[in-house]
Amino acid sequence: MFSRRTSWDISATPLAEAVARRTAEGRPLLDLTEANPTRVGLGFSPAALREALADPRAARYEPNPLGLAGAREAIARYYAERGHAVVPERVVV
């Protein structure tokens, strides 16, 4: 809730209303605005998650504005396998 001093219009937007309507109807919805991966139905293996979190590298936070180097390398390999010359340094994730 916002402060009453702002007097902003906080009514639902047409998009928010459409999302609520579709959700209430039980219709499928691909919500690209959801930022919480636990609420989008992604399956995961609890054992694999425990294993990943046990790796000491998981405790380091080293953000890269272009995305993880490993992910960019995998994307470059994917395209290379399909005949496209893509270098990881030019991939943004």
N, C-alpha and C. Protein backbone atom coordinates (compact mmCIF):
# COMPACT_ATOMS: atom_id res chain seq x y z
N MET A 1 0.84 -1.18 0.00
CA MET A 1 0.00 0.00 0.00
C MET A 1 0.89 1.24 0.00
N PHE A 2 0.51 2.20 -0.79
CA PHE A 2 1.25 3.45 -0.86
C PHE A 2 0.70 4.44 0.15
N SER A 3 1.50 5.40 0.48
CA SER A 3 1.09 6.45 1.39
C SER A 3 -0.09 7.22 0.80
N ARG A 4 -1.01 7.64 1.63
CA ARG A 4 -2.14 8.44 1.15
C ARG A 4 -1.68 9.79 0.63
N ARG A 5 -0.49 10.21 1.02
CA ARG A 5 0.02 11.50 0.58
C ARG A 5 0.35 11.52 -0.91
N THR A 6 0.55 10.36 -1.51
CA THR A 6 0.94 10.34 -2.92
C THR A 6 -0.23 10.59 -3.86
N SER A 7 -1.39 10.16 -3.48
CA SER A 7 -2.61 10.24 -4.29
C SER A 7 -2.42 9.67 -5.70
N TRP A 8 -1.60 8.61 -5.79
CA TRP A 8 -1.40 7.94 -7.07
C TRP A 8 -2.59 7.05 -7.38
N ASP A 9 -2.85 6.89 -8.64
CA ASP A 9 -3.89 5.95 -9.07
C ASP A 9 -3.27 4.56 -9.03
N ILE A 10 -3.72 3.75 -8.09
CA ILE A 10 -3.15 2.40 -7.97
C ILE A 10 -4.16 1.33 -8.39
N SER A 11 -5.12 1.73 -9.20
CA SER A 11 -6.08 0.74 -9.69
C SER A 11 -5.37 -0.17 -10.69
N ALA A 12 -5.93 -1.35 -10.87
CA ALA A 12 -5.33 -2.34 -11.76
C ALA A 12 -5.31 -1.83 -13.20
N THR A 13 -4.23 -2.13 -13.88
CA THR A 13 -4.12 -1.77 -15.29
C THR A 13 -4.93 -2.76 -16.13
N PRO A 14 -5.23 -2.42 -17.37
CA PRO A 14 -5.94 -3.38 -18.22
C PRO A 14 -5.19 -4.71 -18.35
N LEU A 15 -3.86 -4.66 -18.39
CA LEU A 15 -3.08 -5.89 -18.47
C LEU A 15 -3.25 -6.71 -17.20
N ALA A 16 -3.15 -6.07 -16.05
CA ALA A 16 -3.31 -6.78 -14.78
C ALA A 16 -4.71 -7.40 -14.69
N GLU A 17 -5.71 -6.68 -15.17
CA GLU A 17 -7.07 -7.22 -15.15
C GLU A 17 -7.19 -8.43 -16.08
N ALA A 18 -6.57 -8.36 -17.24
CA ALA A 18 -6.62 -9.48 -18.19
C ALA A 18 -5.92 -10.71 -17.62
N VAL A 19 -4.78 -10.49 -16.97
CA VAL A 19 -4.05 -11.60 -16.34
C VAL A 19 -4.90 -12.23 -15.25
N ALA A 20 -5.50 -11.40 -14.41
CA ALA A 20 -6.34 -11.91 -13.32
C ALA A 20 -7.53 -12.70 -13.87
N ARG A 21 -8.14 -12.18 -14.91
CA ARG A 21 -9.30 -12.85 -15.52
C ARG A 21 -8.89 -14.22 -16.08
N ARG A 22 -7.80 -14.23 -16.82
CA ARG A 22 -7.35 -15.49 -17.44
C ARG A 22 -6.96 -16.50 -16.36
N THR A 23 -6.30 -16.04 -15.32
CA THR A 23 -5.90 -16.92 -14.22
C THR A 23 -7.13 -17.48 -13.52
N ALA A 24 -8.11 -16.62 -13.26
CA ALA A 24 -9.34 -17.05 -12.59
C ALA A 24 -10.10 -18.08 -13.42
N GLU A 25 -10.00 -17.97 -14.74
CA GLU A 25 -10.67 -18.92 -15.63
C GLU A 25 -9.90 -20.23 -15.75
N GLY A 26 -8.70 -20.28 -15.17
CA GLY A 26 -7.89 -21.49 -15.24
C GLY A 26 -7.24 -21.69 -16.60
N ARG A 27 -7.18 -20.64 -17.38
CA ARG A 27 -6.58 -20.74 -18.71
C ARG A 27 -5.07 -20.59 -18.60
N PRO A 28 -4.32 -21.24 -19.49
CA PRO A 28 -2.86 -21.15 -19.42
C PRO A 28 -2.38 -19.72 -19.68
N LEU A 29 -1.29 -19.39 -19.04
CA LEU A 29 -0.76 -18.04 -19.16
C LEU A 29 0.76 -18.11 -19.07
N LEU A 30 1.43 -17.51 -20.01
CA LEU A 30 2.89 -17.41 -19.96
C LEU A 30 3.19 -15.98 -19.52
N ASP A 31 3.46 -15.82 -18.24
CA ASP A 31 3.68 -14.50 -17.66
C ASP A 31 5.17 -14.20 -17.64
N LEU A 32 5.63 -13.42 -18.59
CA LEU A 32 7.05 -13.09 -18.68
C LEU A 32 7.46 -12.01 -17.70
N THR A 33 6.51 -11.53 -16.90
CA THR A 33 6.86 -10.53 -15.89
C THR A 33 7.16 -11.17 -14.54
N GLU A 34 6.88 -12.46 -14.39
CA GLU A 34 7.12 -13.13 -13.11
C GLU A 34 8.62 -13.30 -12.90
N ALA A 35 9.11 -12.81 -11.77
CA ALA A 35 10.54 -12.87 -11.49
C ALA A 35 10.89 -13.95 -10.47
N ASN A 36 9.89 -14.63 -9.93
CA ASN A 36 10.14 -15.65 -8.92
C ASN A 36 10.06 -17.02 -9.58
N PRO A 37 11.20 -17.70 -9.75
CA PRO A 37 11.18 -18.99 -10.46
C PRO A 37 10.40 -20.07 -9.74
N THR A 38 10.13 -19.90 -8.45
CA THR A 38 9.37 -20.93 -7.73
C THR A 38 7.89 -20.85 -8.04
N ARG A 39 7.45 -19.79 -8.73
CA ARG A 39 6.02 -19.64 -9.01
C ARG A 39 5.66 -19.86 -10.47
N VAL A 40 6.60 -20.35 -11.27
CA VAL A 40 6.30 -20.50 -12.70
C VAL A 40 6.27 -21.95 -13.16
N GLY A 41 6.29 -22.87 -12.23
CA GLY A 41 6.15 -24.27 -12.58
C GLY A 41 7.39 -24.93 -13.15
N LEU A 42 8.55 -24.36 -12.90
CA LEU A 42 9.77 -25.01 -13.36
C LEU A 42 10.06 -26.20 -12.46
N GLY A 43 10.25 -27.35 -13.07
CA GLY A 43 10.58 -28.52 -12.29
C GLY A 43 12.06 -28.52 -11.93
N PHE A 44 12.38 -29.07 -10.80
CA PHE A 44 13.78 -29.19 -10.41
C PHE A 44 13.93 -30.40 -9.51
N SER A 45 15.13 -30.88 -9.47
CA SER A 45 15.45 -32.02 -8.62
C SER A 45 16.01 -31.49 -7.31
N PRO A 46 15.35 -31.77 -6.18
CA PRO A 46 15.89 -31.31 -4.90
C PRO A 46 17.32 -31.80 -4.67
N ALA A 47 17.62 -33.03 -5.10
CA ALA A 47 18.98 -33.55 -4.92
C ALA A 47 19.98 -32.75 -5.74
N ALA A 48 19.62 -32.43 -6.98
CA ALA A 48 20.52 -31.64 -7.83
C ALA A 48 20.70 -30.24 -7.26
N LEU A 49 19.64 -29.69 -6.69
CA LEU A 49 19.74 -28.36 -6.08
C LEU A 49 20.67 -28.39 -4.87
N ARG A 50 20.52 -29.42 -4.03
CA ARG A 50 21.42 -29.54 -2.87
C ARG A 50 22.87 -29.69 -3.32
N GLU A 51 23.07 -30.48 -4.36
CA GLU A 51 24.43 -30.69 -4.88
C GLU A 51 25.02 -29.38 -5.41
N ALA A 52 24.21 -28.64 -6.14
CA ALA A 52 24.69 -27.37 -6.70
C ALA A 52 25.03 -26.38 -5.59
N LEU A 53 24.19 -26.33 -4.57
CA LEU A 53 24.43 -25.38 -3.48
C LEU A 53 25.59 -25.81 -2.58
N ALA A 54 25.94 -27.09 -2.62
CA ALA A 54 27.07 -27.57 -1.83
C ALA A 54 28.40 -27.16 -2.46
N ASP A 55 28.37 -26.80 -3.73
CA ASP A 55 29.59 -26.37 -4.43
C ASP A 55 30.00 -25.00 -3.90
N PRO A 56 31.23 -24.85 -3.41
CA PRO A 56 31.67 -23.57 -2.86
C PRO A 56 31.54 -22.40 -3.84
N ARG A 57 31.57 -22.69 -5.13
CA ARG A 57 31.43 -21.61 -6.12
C ARG A 57 30.06 -20.95 -6.04
N ALA A 58 29.07 -21.66 -5.50
CA ALA A 58 27.72 -21.10 -5.40
C ALA A 58 27.66 -19.95 -4.39
N ALA A 59 28.63 -19.87 -3.51
CA ALA A 59 28.64 -18.82 -2.49
C ALA A 59 29.23 -17.51 -3.01
N ARG A 60 29.85 -17.56 -4.17
CA ARG A 60 30.45 -16.34 -4.73
C ARG A 60 29.45 -15.62 -5.62
N TYR A 61 29.45 -14.33 -5.51
CA TYR A 61 28.60 -13.51 -6.37
C TYR A 61 29.51 -12.66 -7.23
N GLU A 62 29.61 -13.02 -8.47
CA GLU A 62 30.46 -12.29 -9.40
C GLU A 62 29.65 -11.97 -10.65
N PRO A 63 28.79 -10.97 -10.55
CA PRO A 63 27.92 -10.67 -11.69
C PRO A 63 28.70 -10.19 -12.90
N ASN A 64 28.20 -10.56 -14.05
CA ASN A 64 28.77 -10.09 -15.31
C ASN A 64 27.61 -9.48 -16.08
N PRO A 65 27.72 -8.23 -16.47
CA PRO A 65 26.59 -7.59 -17.15
C PRO A 65 26.20 -8.27 -18.46
N LEU A 66 27.08 -9.07 -19.03
CA LEU A 66 26.76 -9.77 -20.27
C LEU A 66 26.13 -11.14 -20.01
N GLY A 67 26.16 -11.60 -18.76
CA GLY A 67 25.67 -12.93 -18.43
C GLY A 67 26.84 -13.84 -18.10
N LEU A 68 26.53 -14.99 -17.54
CA LEU A 68 27.58 -15.93 -17.16
C LEU A 68 28.38 -16.37 -18.38
N ALA A 69 29.69 -16.41 -18.22
CA ALA A 69 30.57 -16.81 -19.32
C ALA A 69 30.21 -18.20 -19.82
N GLY A 70 29.93 -19.12 -18.90
CA GLY A 70 29.58 -20.48 -19.30
C GLY A 70 28.32 -20.53 -20.14
N ALA A 71 27.35 -19.71 -19.79
CA ALA A 71 26.10 -19.66 -20.56
C ALA A 71 26.36 -19.08 -21.95
N ARG A 72 27.16 -18.03 -22.01
CA ARG A 72 27.46 -17.42 -23.30
C ARG A 72 28.25 -18.38 -24.19
N GLU A 73 29.16 -19.14 -23.57
CA GLU A 73 29.93 -20.14 -24.34
C GLU A 73 29.01 -21.24 -24.86
N ALA A 74 28.07 -21.68 -24.05
CA ALA A 74 27.14 -22.73 -24.48
C ALA A 74 26.28 -22.23 -25.64
N ILE A 75 25.85 -21.00 -25.58
CA ILE A 75 25.04 -20.43 -26.66
C ILE A 75 25.86 -20.34 -27.94
N ALA A 76 27.11 -19.91 -27.82
CA ALA A 76 27.99 -19.82 -28.99
C ALA A 76 28.20 -21.21 -29.60
N ARG A 77 28.39 -22.23 -28.75
CA ARG A 77 28.55 -23.61 -29.26
C ARG A 77 27.29 -24.07 -29.98
N TYR A 78 26.14 -23.77 -29.40
CA TYR A 78 24.86 -24.15 -30.00
C TYR A 78 24.78 -23.62 -31.43
N TYR A 79 25.10 -22.35 -31.61
CA TYR A 79 25.02 -21.76 -32.95
C TYR A 79 26.14 -22.27 -33.85
N ALA A 80 27.32 -22.52 -33.29
CA ALA A 80 28.42 -23.06 -34.10
C ALA A 80 28.04 -24.42 -34.66
N GLU A 81 27.36 -25.24 -33.86
CA GLU A 81 26.93 -26.56 -34.32
C GLU A 81 25.92 -26.46 -35.45
N ARG A 82 25.32 -25.30 -35.62
CA ARG A 82 24.33 -25.09 -36.67
C ARG A 82 24.88 -24.23 -37.80
N GLY A 83 26.22 -24.08 -37.80
CA GLY A 83 26.88 -23.40 -38.91
C GLY A 83 26.97 -21.89 -38.80
N HIS A 84 26.75 -21.34 -37.62
CA HIS A 84 26.83 -19.89 -37.45
C HIS A 84 28.04 -19.54 -36.60
N ALA A 85 28.82 -18.59 -37.06
CA ALA A 85 30.01 -18.16 -36.31
C ALA A 85 29.60 -17.12 -35.27
N VAL A 86 29.54 -17.56 -34.03
CA VAL A 86 29.18 -16.67 -32.92
C VAL A 86 30.25 -16.81 -31.85
N VAL A 87 30.79 -15.69 -31.43
CA VAL A 87 31.81 -15.73 -30.38
C VAL A 87 31.15 -15.37 -29.05
N PRO A 88 31.51 -16.06 -27.97
CA PRO A 88 30.87 -15.81 -26.67
C PRO A 88 30.95 -14.35 -26.23
N GLU A 89 32.00 -13.67 -26.60
CA GLU A 89 32.16 -12.27 -26.18
C GLU A 89 31.11 -11.35 -26.79
N ARG A 90 30.42 -11.82 -27.83
CA ARG A 90 29.39 -11.00 -28.48
C ARG A 90 27.98 -11.44 -28.10
N VAL A 91 27.88 -12.41 -27.20
CA VAL A 91 26.58 -12.91 -26.75
C VAL A 91 26.20 -12.20 -25.46
N VAL A 92 24.97 -11.74 -25.39
CA VAL A 92 24.45 -11.11 -24.17
C VAL A 92 23.26 -11.94 -23.71
N VAL A 93 23.32 -12.39 -22.46
CA VAL A 93 22.25 -13.23 -21.92
C VAL A 93 21.43 -12.40 -20.94
